[in-house]
Amino acid sequence: MGVRNRDREVLDRLDSKTLDARFTTEIQQGLNCSPFEAEAVLGVVKEVYFPFLSAEAPQPPPGKITLIAVAADEPAGKPVALCAKQTVCLTLHRGKIDDLVFQEHGPAGFRQARLLDLCQQALSQGALLTAEDLAYRVFFVTPRTISRDLIVVRQAHPDVLIPMRSTLHDLGPVLTHRTQIIRLALQGKTTTQICQIMHHSPEAVANYLSTFTRCVQLARQKMQLGQIAFLLRRGPSLIRAYLQILDECQRDRNMAYHLDELLRIGSCGGEKKIARGRSAHE
């Protein structure tokens, strides 16, 4: 048995969270190809399509970064290379407000001010970040530095769960996190109130509510759990939890009323809401 090379393991995990790795994994699992065959297909795709796609690729808005992270529904203990991946777009720099934070508190203060929000953004897009993601792909520091930053953030927000792959060891906390937001909306809470209670951004709350309403619409079309999970690209456990909430709505008139409101607003094509000061992201 050889000596364990931890640095090499880190590089392997990071390498498995790239577009190339995501493509080859999809090919291997979807078409039952060997790793060699998947690499060959990737090579052909690059040769044929990339010369035409690279010039047309849209530029991300200023302050945003795009990276590959492990899907939130993947269980702990599963090798990163075998996990489903999700592409997420994160707002790293918010403009003047972050410039002021950097001036007053330095690089460490800036990282600590953005850590919680970045992790929540990733979760709202169906992925979980790791300390390695934050260290090597976002802030370009060491994982040990990120660990120290996390200690500071947890001390400042002891009641807030930082949604990372290392802290959410199974699907329970992830589902609780998402269904809590749905239940608050079905109680009649506004987006602003939900953001204050859950320490989330309006965009993250909007993402959860959008997925839930689409789940409800598909369920009312008599689609099965597996079909809904496939179409929404979400785990079966999450869809099952959402369908249970839908069942509760059928027995609770207050929840049913607010569910109808969510569905009505969702069908308006993003029009501004005027009821009780709700935002257009809700």
Protein backbone atom coordinates (compact mmCIF):
# COMPACT_ATOMS: atom_id res chain seq x y z
CA MET A 1 0.00 0.00 0.00
CA GLY A 2 1.54 3.29 -1.11
CA VAL A 3 1.86 6.54 0.80
CA ARG A 4 -1.24 8.68 0.54
CA ASN A 5 -0.63 11.83 -1.49
CA ARG A 6 -3.17 14.33 -0.18
CA ASP A 7 -2.06 17.11 -2.55
CA ARG A 8 -2.68 14.78 -5.48
CA GLU A 9 -6.11 13.88 -4.12
CA VAL A 10 -7.04 17.58 -3.98
CA LEU A 11 -5.96 18.04 -7.60
CA ASP A 12 -7.95 14.99 -8.65
CA ARG A 13 -11.10 16.28 -6.95
CA LEU A 14 -10.70 19.69 -8.56
CA ASP A 15 -10.05 18.10 -11.94
CA SER A 16 -13.29 16.14 -11.65
CA LYS A 17 -15.21 19.43 -11.35
CA THR A 18 -14.54 20.79 -14.84
CA LEU A 19 -16.70 20.94 -17.95
CA ASP A 20 -14.63 18.18 -19.56
CA ALA A 21 -15.08 15.93 -16.54
CA ARG A 22 -18.81 16.63 -16.39
CA PHE A 23 -19.18 15.79 -20.09
CA THR A 24 -17.24 12.52 -19.89
CA THR A 25 -19.16 11.45 -16.76
CA GLU A 26 -22.49 12.13 -18.51
CA ILE A 27 -21.33 10.11 -21.53
CA GLN A 28 -20.09 7.20 -19.41
CA GLN A 29 -23.24 6.97 -17.30
CA GLY A 30 -25.78 7.87 -19.99
CA LEU A 31 -24.40 5.76 -22.84
CA ASN A 32 -22.53 3.15 -20.78
CA CYS A 33 -19.23 4.09 -22.43
CA SER A 34 -15.77 3.37 -21.13
CA PRO A 35 -13.60 6.29 -19.94
CA PHE A 36 -11.51 5.90 -23.11
CA GLU A 37 -14.58 6.10 -25.35
CA ALA A 38 -15.91 9.12 -23.44
CA GLU A 39 -12.59 10.93 -23.89
CA ALA A 40 -12.67 10.12 -27.61
CA VAL A 41 -16.18 11.56 -27.96
CA LEU A 42 -15.11 14.68 -26.06
CA GLY A 43 -12.18 15.12 -28.43
CA VAL A 44 -14.44 14.94 -31.49
CA VAL A 45 -16.94 17.42 -29.99
CA LYS A 46 -14.14 19.89 -29.30
CA GLU A 47 -12.75 19.49 -32.79
CA VAL A 48 -16.08 19.94 -34.56
CA TYR A 49 -18.02 22.42 -32.43
CA PHE A 50 -15.57 24.50 -30.41
CA PRO A 51 -14.26 26.61 -33.33
CA PHE A 52 -17.84 27.84 -33.86
CA LEU A 53 -18.94 28.13 -30.24
CA SER A 54 -16.00 29.88 -28.60
CA ALA A 55 -16.56 33.19 -30.38
CA GLU A 56 -20.27 33.12 -29.54
CA ALA A 57 -19.92 32.26 -25.86
CA PRO A 58 -21.62 34.97 -23.76
CA GLN A 59 -19.51 36.90 -21.31
CA PRO A 60 -20.55 36.67 -17.64
CA PRO A 61 -21.66 39.98 -16.10
CA PRO A 62 -19.02 41.94 -14.14
CA GLY A 63 -18.45 40.57 -10.65
CA LYS A 64 -19.79 37.10 -11.45
CA ILE A 65 -17.93 33.81 -11.75
CA THR A 66 -19.00 30.46 -13.17
CA LEU A 67 -17.75 27.15 -11.81
CA ILE A 68 -18.63 23.46 -11.58
CA ALA A 69 -19.67 22.08 -8.19
CA VAL A 70 -21.07 18.81 -6.85
CA ALA A 71 -24.87 18.55 -7.04
CA ALA A 72 -26.57 19.15 -3.70
CA ASP A 73 -28.47 15.86 -3.77
CA GLU A 74 -25.33 13.73 -3.96
CA PRO A 75 -24.76 11.80 -0.69
CA ALA A 76 -21.71 12.14 1.52
CA GLY A 77 -19.03 9.49 1.02
CA LYS A 78 -19.56 9.21 -2.73
CA PRO A 79 -16.32 9.96 -4.65
CA VAL A 80 -16.41 13.41 -6.19
CA ALA A 81 -15.46 12.02 -9.60
CA LEU A 82 -18.65 9.90 -9.64
CA CYS A 83 -20.97 12.65 -8.38
CA ALA A 84 -23.34 14.56 -10.63
CA LYS A 85 -22.11 18.11 -11.18
CA GLN A 86 -23.92 21.41 -11.52
CA THR A 87 -22.75 24.60 -13.23
CA VAL A 88 -23.36 27.60 -11.00
CA CYS A 89 -22.98 31.33 -11.58
CA LEU A 90 -22.06 33.21 -8.40
CA THR A 91 -21.94 36.91 -7.63
CA LEU A 92 -18.50 37.35 -6.10
CA HIS A 93 -18.18 41.14 -6.20
CA ARG A 94 -21.25 43.33 -5.69
CA GLY A 95 -19.66 46.66 -6.56
CA LYS A 96 -19.15 49.61 -4.23
CA ILE A 97 -20.42 47.83 -1.12
CA ASP A 98 -17.67 45.20 -1.45
CA ASP A 99 -15.06 47.81 -2.30
CA LEU A 100 -15.82 49.49 1.03
CA VAL A 101 -15.63 46.17 2.89
CA PHE A 102 -12.25 45.46 1.29
CA GLN A 103 -10.91 48.92 2.20
CA GLU A 104 -12.08 48.76 5.80
CA HIS A 105 -11.46 45.09 6.63
CA GLY A 106 -8.95 43.86 4.05
CA PRO A 107 -9.00 40.60 2.04
CA ALA A 108 -10.01 38.46 5.05
CA GLY A 109 -12.97 40.72 5.82
CA PHE A 110 -14.06 40.60 2.18
CA ARG A 111 -13.93 36.79 2.08
CA GLN A 112 -15.81 36.47 5.35
CA ALA A 113 -18.47 38.90 4.16
CA ARG A 114 -19.07 36.88 0.97
CA LEU A 115 -18.70 33.25 2.14
CA LEU A 116 -22.22 32.67 3.45
CA ASP A 117 -23.93 34.32 0.49
CA LEU A 118 -21.80 32.43 -2.07
CA CYS A 119 -22.64 29.08 -0.47
CA GLN A 120 -26.34 29.96 -0.42
CA GLN A 121 -26.23 31.05 -4.06
CA ALA A 122 -24.70 27.71 -5.03
CA LEU A 123 -27.30 25.76 -3.05
CA SER A 124 -30.14 27.74 -4.64
CA GLN A 125 -28.76 26.58 -8.02
CA GLY A 126 -28.63 22.95 -6.90
CA ALA A 127 -24.99 22.58 -5.85
CA LEU A 128 -22.82 22.55 -2.72
CA LEU A 129 -19.43 24.22 -2.53
CA THR A 130 -16.44 22.81 -0.69
CA ALA A 131 -13.57 24.57 1.05
CA GLU A 132 -11.43 23.56 -1.92
CA ASP A 133 -13.86 25.21 -4.35
CA LEU A 134 -13.78 28.43 -2.34
CA ALA A 135 -10.00 28.31 -1.94
CA TYR A 136 -8.83 27.36 -5.43
CA ARG A 137 -11.67 28.52 -7.68
CA VAL A 138 -13.08 31.61 -5.97
CA PHE A 139 -10.66 33.40 -3.61
CA PHE A 140 -7.31 31.86 -4.66
CA VAL A 141 -6.06 31.17 -1.15
CA THR A 142 -5.34 27.96 0.75
CA PRO A 143 -8.09 25.71 2.21
CA ARG A 144 -6.62 26.43 5.65
CA THR A 145 -7.34 30.13 5.11
CA ILE A 146 -10.93 29.31 4.18
CA SER A 147 -11.23 27.14 7.31
CA ARG A 148 -10.18 30.11 9.47
CA ASP A 149 -12.67 32.34 7.65
CA LEU A 150 -15.45 29.81 8.25
CA ILE A 151 -14.74 29.82 11.98
CA VAL A 152 -15.16 33.61 12.04
CA VAL A 153 -18.39 33.45 10.02
CA ARG A 154 -19.87 30.72 12.26
CA GLN A 155 -19.04 32.72 15.36
CA ALA A 156 -20.72 35.78 13.88
CA HIS A 157 -23.80 33.78 12.78
CA PRO A 158 -24.12 30.86 15.24
CA ASP A 159 -27.74 30.13 14.29
CA VAL A 160 -27.17 30.05 10.53
CA LEU A 161 -26.20 26.84 8.75
CA ILE A 162 -23.53 27.43 6.10
CA PRO A 163 -24.63 25.15 3.23
CA MET A 164 -21.42 23.37 2.21
CA ARG A 165 -20.78 19.76 1.23
CA SER A 166 -18.75 19.25 4.41
CA THR A 167 -21.51 20.52 6.71
CA LEU A 168 -24.55 18.92 5.06
CA HIS A 169 -23.68 15.26 5.58
CA ASP A 170 -26.95 13.91 4.20
CA LEU A 171 -30.03 15.07 2.36
CA GLY A 172 -32.00 15.88 5.52
CA PRO A 173 -30.61 19.37 6.17
CA VAL A 174 -30.75 20.23 2.46
CA LEU A 175 -34.41 19.25 2.21
CA THR A 176 -35.28 20.99 5.47
CA HIS A 177 -33.56 24.13 4.21
CA ARG A 178 -35.59 24.17 0.99
CA THR A 179 -38.96 23.06 2.33
CA GLN A 180 -38.76 25.64 5.12
CA ILE A 181 -38.71 28.41 2.53
CA ILE A 182 -41.66 26.87 0.68
CA ARG A 183 -43.67 26.55 3.90
CA LEU A 184 -42.98 30.17 4.83
CA ALA A 185 -44.29 31.28 1.42
CA LEU A 186 -47.38 29.12 1.86
CA GLN A 187 -47.96 30.79 5.22
CA GLY A 188 -48.21 34.12 3.39
CA LYS A 189 -44.72 35.46 4.15
CA THR A 190 -43.31 37.95 1.66
CA THR A 191 -39.97 37.49 -0.06
CA THR A 192 -38.44 40.15 2.19
CA GLN A 193 -39.66 38.37 5.31
CA ILE A 194 -38.39 34.99 4.08
CA CYS A 195 -34.98 36.51 3.30
CA GLN A 196 -34.78 37.94 6.83
CA ILE A 197 -35.84 34.68 8.48
CA MET A 198 -33.67 32.35 6.37
CA HIS A 199 -30.76 34.75 5.69
CA HIS A 200 -31.19 34.26 1.96
CA SER A 201 -31.06 36.54 -1.06
CA PRO A 202 -34.25 37.32 -3.02
CA GLU A 203 -32.77 35.47 -6.01
CA ALA A 204 -32.25 32.30 -3.94
CA VAL A 205 -35.80 32.42 -2.56
CA ALA A 206 -37.17 32.99 -6.08
CA ASN A 207 -35.27 29.95 -7.33
CA TYR A 208 -36.79 27.67 -4.67
CA LEU A 209 -40.32 28.96 -5.24
CA SER A 210 -39.97 28.63 -9.01
CA THR A 211 -38.89 24.99 -8.72
CA PHE A 212 -41.75 24.24 -6.33
CA THR A 213 -44.41 25.82 -8.54
CA ARG A 214 -43.11 23.97 -11.61
CA CYS A 215 -43.23 20.76 -9.59
CA VAL A 216 -46.86 21.45 -8.67
CA GLN A 217 -47.79 22.19 -12.29
CA LEU A 218 -46.22 18.93 -13.50
CA ALA A 219 -47.87 16.96 -10.71
CA ARG A 220 -51.26 18.36 -11.72
CA GLN A 221 -50.56 17.07 -15.22
CA LYS A 222 -50.48 13.58 -13.65
CA MET A 223 -46.73 13.14 -14.08
CA GLN A 224 -44.97 10.68 -11.82
CA LEU A 225 -42.29 11.55 -9.27
CA GLY A 226 -39.46 10.21 -11.42
CA GLN A 227 -40.64 12.13 -14.47
CA ILE A 228 -40.84 15.38 -12.51
CA ALA A 229 -37.36 14.86 -11.05
CA PHE A 230 -35.98 14.23 -14.55
CA LEU A 231 -37.65 17.26 -16.14
CA LEU A 232 -36.65 19.64 -13.33
CA ARG A 233 -33.18 18.09 -12.94
CA ARG A 234 -33.69 17.72 -9.20
CA GLY A 235 -33.27 14.75 -6.88
CA PRO A 236 -36.22 12.42 -6.19
CA SER A 237 -35.98 13.18 -2.45
CA LEU A 238 -36.60 16.88 -3.04
CA ILE A 239 -39.52 16.22 -5.41
CA ARG A 240 -41.02 13.78 -2.92
CA ALA A 241 -40.82 16.44 -0.19
CA TYR A 242 -42.47 19.00 -2.48
CA LEU A 243 -45.28 16.59 -3.36
CA GLN A 244 -45.89 16.00 0.35
CA ILE A 245 -46.30 19.75 0.81
CA LEU A 246 -48.72 19.75 -2.13
CA ASP A 247 -50.78 17.08 -0.35
CA GLU A 248 -50.86 19.29 2.76
CA CYS A 249 -52.14 22.19 0.67
CA GLN A 250 -55.14 20.11 -0.33
CA ARG A 251 -56.09 19.78 3.34
CA ASP A 252 -55.25 23.32 4.48
CA ARG A 253 -57.31 26.17 3.01
CA ASN A 254 -54.77 28.85 3.95
CA MET A 255 -51.90 26.97 2.29
CA ALA A 256 -54.10 26.26 -0.73
CA TYR A 257 -54.90 29.96 -1.10
CA HIS A 258 -51.24 31.00 -1.06
CA LEU A 259 -50.34 28.14 -3.41
CA ASP A 260 -52.89 29.44 -5.91
CA GLU A 261 -51.32 32.88 -5.55
CA LEU A 262 -47.85 31.47 -6.25
CA LEU A 263 -49.13 29.64 -9.31
CA ARG A 264 -51.02 32.70 -10.56
CA ILE A 265 -48.01 34.96 -10.15
CA GLY A 266 -45.77 32.40 -11.80
CA SER A 267 -48.05 32.30 -14.84
CA CYS A 268 -47.84 36.08 -15.31
CA GLY A 269 -44.46 35.80 -17.00
CA GLY A 270 -42.49 37.73 -14.43
CA GLU A 271 -44.82 40.71 -14.09
CA LYS A 272 -44.27 42.87 -11.03
CA LYS A 273 -46.22 41.87 -7.99
CA ILE A 274 -48.38 44.41 -6.31
CA ALA A 275 -49.84 42.32 -3.51
CA ARG A 276 -48.50 43.12 -0.05
CA GLY A 277 -45.20 44.44 -1.34
CA ARG A 278 -43.89 41.18 -2.74
CA SER A 279 -40.91 41.43 -5.05
CA ALA A 280 -40.74 40.27 -8.66
CA HIS A 281 -38.24 37.57 -7.62
CA GLU A 282 -40.74 35.76 -5.41
